[in-house]
Amino acid sequence: MLVLTRKLGESITIGDEVKITIVDCQGKQVKVGIVAPKHVKVHREEIFEKIQQENIKAAKVSKRALAEVAQNFKKNDIRSNTIWKDTASSCENSIKKENNHDKY
């Protein structure tokens, strides 16, 4: 870990696109400003950890649950939008193929 000392108003540059500036210091709390392009994701660590946990949970969704979601898309499509029906059918077919593949 690189440790740098900065005073109020001073900055740190990371690569060519990210700049971190010390905006305020009060007691043990430091306020930083971050300038980064939109494609660079910037999160507080505790938020980043929650995102990671949610991603892990989402990856563990069962095939049966996905099939139920696909069925609900078909049943609950109030507007009869063919895009939703096509998406649900495609999702359901993919799951069926995967289930058949898993049997062998």
C-alpha atoms as a PDB file:
ATOM      1  CA  MET A   1       0.000   0.000   0.000  1.00  0.00           C
ATOM      2  CA  LEU A   2       1.306   3.413  -0.961  1.00  0.00           C
ATOM      3  CA  VAL A   3       0.785   5.944   1.845  1.00  0.00           C
ATOM      4  CA  LEU A   4       0.897   9.647   0.955  1.00  0.00           C
ATOM      5  CA  THR A   5       0.557  12.759   3.083  1.00  0.00           C
ATOM      6  CA  ARG A   6      -1.582  15.592   1.704  1.00  0.00           C
ATOM      7  CA  LYS A   7      -2.707  18.935   3.071  1.00  0.00           C
ATOM      8  CA  LEU A   8      -6.078  20.593   2.611  1.00  0.00           C
ATOM      9  CA  GLY A   9      -6.555  21.454  -1.065  1.00  0.00           C
ATOM     10  CA  GLU A  10      -3.760  19.166  -2.288  1.00  0.00           C
ATOM     11  CA  SER A  11      -4.401  16.324  -4.728  1.00  0.00           C
ATOM     12  CA  ILE A  12      -3.275  12.867  -5.773  1.00  0.00           C
ATOM     13  CA  THR A  13      -3.474  11.735  -9.392  1.00  0.00           C
ATOM     14  CA  ILE A  14      -4.031   8.080 -10.269  1.00  0.00           C
ATOM     15  CA  GLY A  15      -3.247   7.190 -13.857  1.00  0.00           C
ATOM     16  CA  ASP A  16      -4.280   9.748 -16.438  1.00  0.00           C
ATOM     17  CA  GLU A  17      -7.945  10.018 -15.494  1.00  0.00           C
ATOM     18  CA  VAL A  18      -8.457   9.971 -11.709  1.00  0.00           C
ATOM     19  CA  LYS A  19      -7.754  12.868  -9.351  1.00  0.00           C
ATOM     20  CA  ILE A  20      -8.377  12.806  -5.592  1.00  0.00           C
ATOM     21  CA  THR A  21      -8.371  16.111  -3.706  1.00  0.00           C
ATOM     22  CA  ILE A  22      -8.469  16.713   0.061  1.00  0.00           C
ATOM     23  CA  VAL A  23     -11.517  18.957   0.440  1.00  0.00           C
ATOM     24  CA  ASP A  24     -11.899  19.204   4.227  1.00  0.00           C
ATOM     25  CA  CYS A  25     -10.353  17.882   7.462  1.00  0.00           C
ATOM     26  CA  GLN A  26     -12.171  17.952  10.808  1.00  0.00           C
ATOM     27  CA  GLY A  27     -10.849  15.878  13.680  1.00  0.00           C
ATOM     28  CA  LYS A  28     -10.454  12.274  12.527  1.00  0.00           C
ATOM     29  CA  GLN A  29     -12.621  12.778   9.456  1.00  0.00           C
ATOM     30  CA  VAL A  30     -11.266  13.673   6.024  1.00  0.00           C
ATOM     31  CA  LYS A  31     -13.488  14.717   3.135  1.00  0.00           C
ATOM     32  CA  VAL A  32     -12.129  13.866  -0.312  1.00  0.00           C
ATOM     33  CA  GLY A  33     -13.274  14.919  -3.759  1.00  0.00           C
ATOM     34  CA  ILE A  34     -12.830  12.480  -6.614  1.00  0.00           C
ATOM     35  CA  VAL A  35     -12.770  13.358 -10.297  1.00  0.00           C
ATOM     36  CA  ALA A  36     -13.018  10.291 -12.533  1.00  0.00           C
ATOM     37  CA  PRO A  37     -14.583   9.420 -15.872  1.00  0.00           C
ATOM     38  CA  LYS A  38     -18.028   7.789 -15.843  1.00  0.00           C
ATOM     39  CA  HIS A  39     -16.640   4.360 -16.746  1.00  0.00           C
ATOM     40  CA  VAL A  40     -14.562   4.315 -13.527  1.00  0.00           C
ATOM     41  CA  LYS A  41     -16.746   3.123 -10.661  1.00  0.00           C
ATOM     42  CA  VAL A  42     -16.105   4.883  -7.350  1.00  0.00           C
ATOM     43  CA  HIS A  43     -17.699   3.512  -4.160  1.00  0.00           C
ATOM     44  CA  ARG A  44     -17.131   3.746  -0.433  1.00  0.00           C
ATOM     45  CA  GLU A  45     -15.702   0.409   0.692  1.00  0.00           C
ATOM     46  CA  GLU A  46     -18.781  -0.622   2.697  1.00  0.00           C
ATOM     47  CA  ILE A  47     -21.005   0.007  -0.344  1.00  0.00           C
ATOM     48  CA  PHE A  48     -18.622  -1.904  -2.618  1.00  0.00           C
ATOM     49  CA  GLU A  49     -18.736  -4.882  -0.227  1.00  0.00           C
ATOM     50  CA  LYS A  50     -22.563  -4.869  -0.263  1.00  0.00           C
ATOM     51  CA  ILE A  51     -22.544  -4.792  -4.068  1.00  0.00           C
ATOM     52  CA  GLN A  52     -20.175  -7.769  -4.104  1.00  0.00           C
ATOM     53  CA  GLN A  53     -22.416  -9.701  -1.678  1.00  0.00           C
ATOM     54  CA  GLU A  54     -25.509  -8.988  -3.800  1.00  0.00           C
ATOM     55  CA  ASN A  55     -23.681 -10.139  -6.930  1.00  0.00           C
ATOM     56  CA  ILE A  56     -22.742 -13.402  -5.209  1.00  0.00           C
ATOM     57  CA  LYS A  57     -26.365 -13.924  -4.101  1.00  0.00           C
ATOM     58  CA  ALA A  58     -27.656 -13.212  -7.609  1.00  0.00           C
ATOM     59  CA  ALA A  59     -25.257 -15.735  -9.095  1.00  0.00           C
ATOM     60  CA  LYS A  60     -26.693 -18.441  -6.819  1.00  0.00           C
ATOM     61  CA  VAL A  61     -30.269 -18.147  -8.134  1.00  0.00           C
ATOM     62  CA  SER A  62     -31.650 -21.583  -8.954  1.00  0.00           C
ATOM     63  CA  LYS A  63     -32.742 -22.639 -12.423  1.00  0.00           C
ATOM     64  CA  ARG A  64     -36.226 -23.245 -11.046  1.00  0.00           C
ATOM     65  CA  ALA A  65     -36.470 -19.659  -9.766  1.00  0.00           C
ATOM     66  CA  LEU A  66     -35.370 -18.331 -13.162  1.00  0.00           C
ATOM     67  CA  ALA A  67     -38.009 -20.474 -14.874  1.00  0.00           C
ATOM     68  CA  GLU A  68     -40.660 -19.065 -12.512  1.00  0.00           C
ATOM     69  CA  VAL A  69     -39.575 -15.519 -13.348  1.00  0.00           C
ATOM     70  CA  ALA A  70     -39.832 -16.317 -17.058  1.00  0.00           C
ATOM     71  CA  GLN A  71     -43.360 -17.691 -16.539  1.00  0.00           C
ATOM     72  CA  ASN A  72     -44.387 -14.605 -14.560  1.00  0.00           C
ATOM     73  CA  PHE A  73     -43.175 -12.362 -17.373  1.00  0.00           C
ATOM     74  CA  LYS A  74     -45.548 -14.189 -19.708  1.00  0.00           C
ATOM     75  CA  LYS A  75     -48.525 -14.248 -17.315  1.00  0.00           C
ATOM     76  CA  ASN A  76     -48.278 -10.706 -15.946  1.00  0.00           C
ATOM     77  CA  ASP A  77     -47.588  -8.786 -19.140  1.00  0.00           C
ATOM     78  CA  ILE A  78     -50.393  -6.228 -18.876  1.00  0.00           C
ATOM     79  CA  ARG A  79     -49.505  -4.441 -22.119  1.00  0.00           C
ATOM     80  CA  SER A  80     -49.108  -7.681 -24.127  1.00  0.00           C
ATOM     81  CA  ASN A  81     -45.725  -6.370 -25.151  1.00  0.00           C
ATOM     82  CA  THR A  82     -44.111  -8.926 -27.452  1.00  0.00           C
ATOM     83  CA  ILE A  83     -40.633  -7.915 -26.286  1.00  0.00           C
ATOM     84  CA  TRP A  84     -41.378  -9.202 -22.772  1.00  0.00           C
ATOM     85  CA  LYS A  85     -42.950 -12.395 -24.109  1.00  0.00           C
ATOM     86  CA  ASP A  86     -40.001 -13.034 -26.396  1.00  0.00           C
ATOM     87  CA  THR A  87     -37.554 -12.382 -23.556  1.00  0.00           C
ATOM     88  CA  ALA A  88     -39.437 -14.690 -21.198  1.00  0.00           C
ATOM     89  CA  SER A  89     -39.652 -17.449 -23.820  1.00  0.00           C
ATOM     90  CA  SER A  90     -35.993 -17.116 -24.661  1.00  0.00           C
ATOM     91  CA  CYS A  91     -35.036 -17.252 -20.982  1.00  0.00           C
ATOM     92  CA  GLU A  92     -37.283 -20.249 -20.380  1.00  0.00           C
ATOM     93  CA  ASN A  93     -35.917 -22.124 -23.421  1.00  0.00           C
ATOM     94  CA  SER A  94     -32.338 -21.484 -22.318  1.00  0.00           C
ATOM     95  CA  ILE A  95     -33.104 -22.858 -18.872  1.00  0.00           C
ATOM     96  CA  LYS A  96     -34.802 -25.953 -20.330  1.00  0.00           C
ATOM     97  CA  LYS A  97     -31.812 -26.611 -22.584  1.00  0.00           C
ATOM     98  CA  GLU A  98     -29.461 -26.205 -19.631  1.00  0.00           C
ATOM     99  CA  ASN A  99     -31.578 -28.557 -17.506  1.00  0.00           C
ATOM    100  CA  ASN A 100     -31.583 -31.186 -20.263  1.00  0.00           C
ATOM    101  CA  HIS A 101     -27.824 -30.807 -20.674  1.00  0.00           C
ATOM    102  CA  ASP A 102     -27.295 -31.261 -16.908  1.00  0.00           C
ATOM    103  CA  LYS A 103     -29.122 -34.621 -16.957  1.00  0.00           C
ATOM    104  CA  TYR A 104     -26.517 -36.263 -19.181  1.00  0.00           C
END
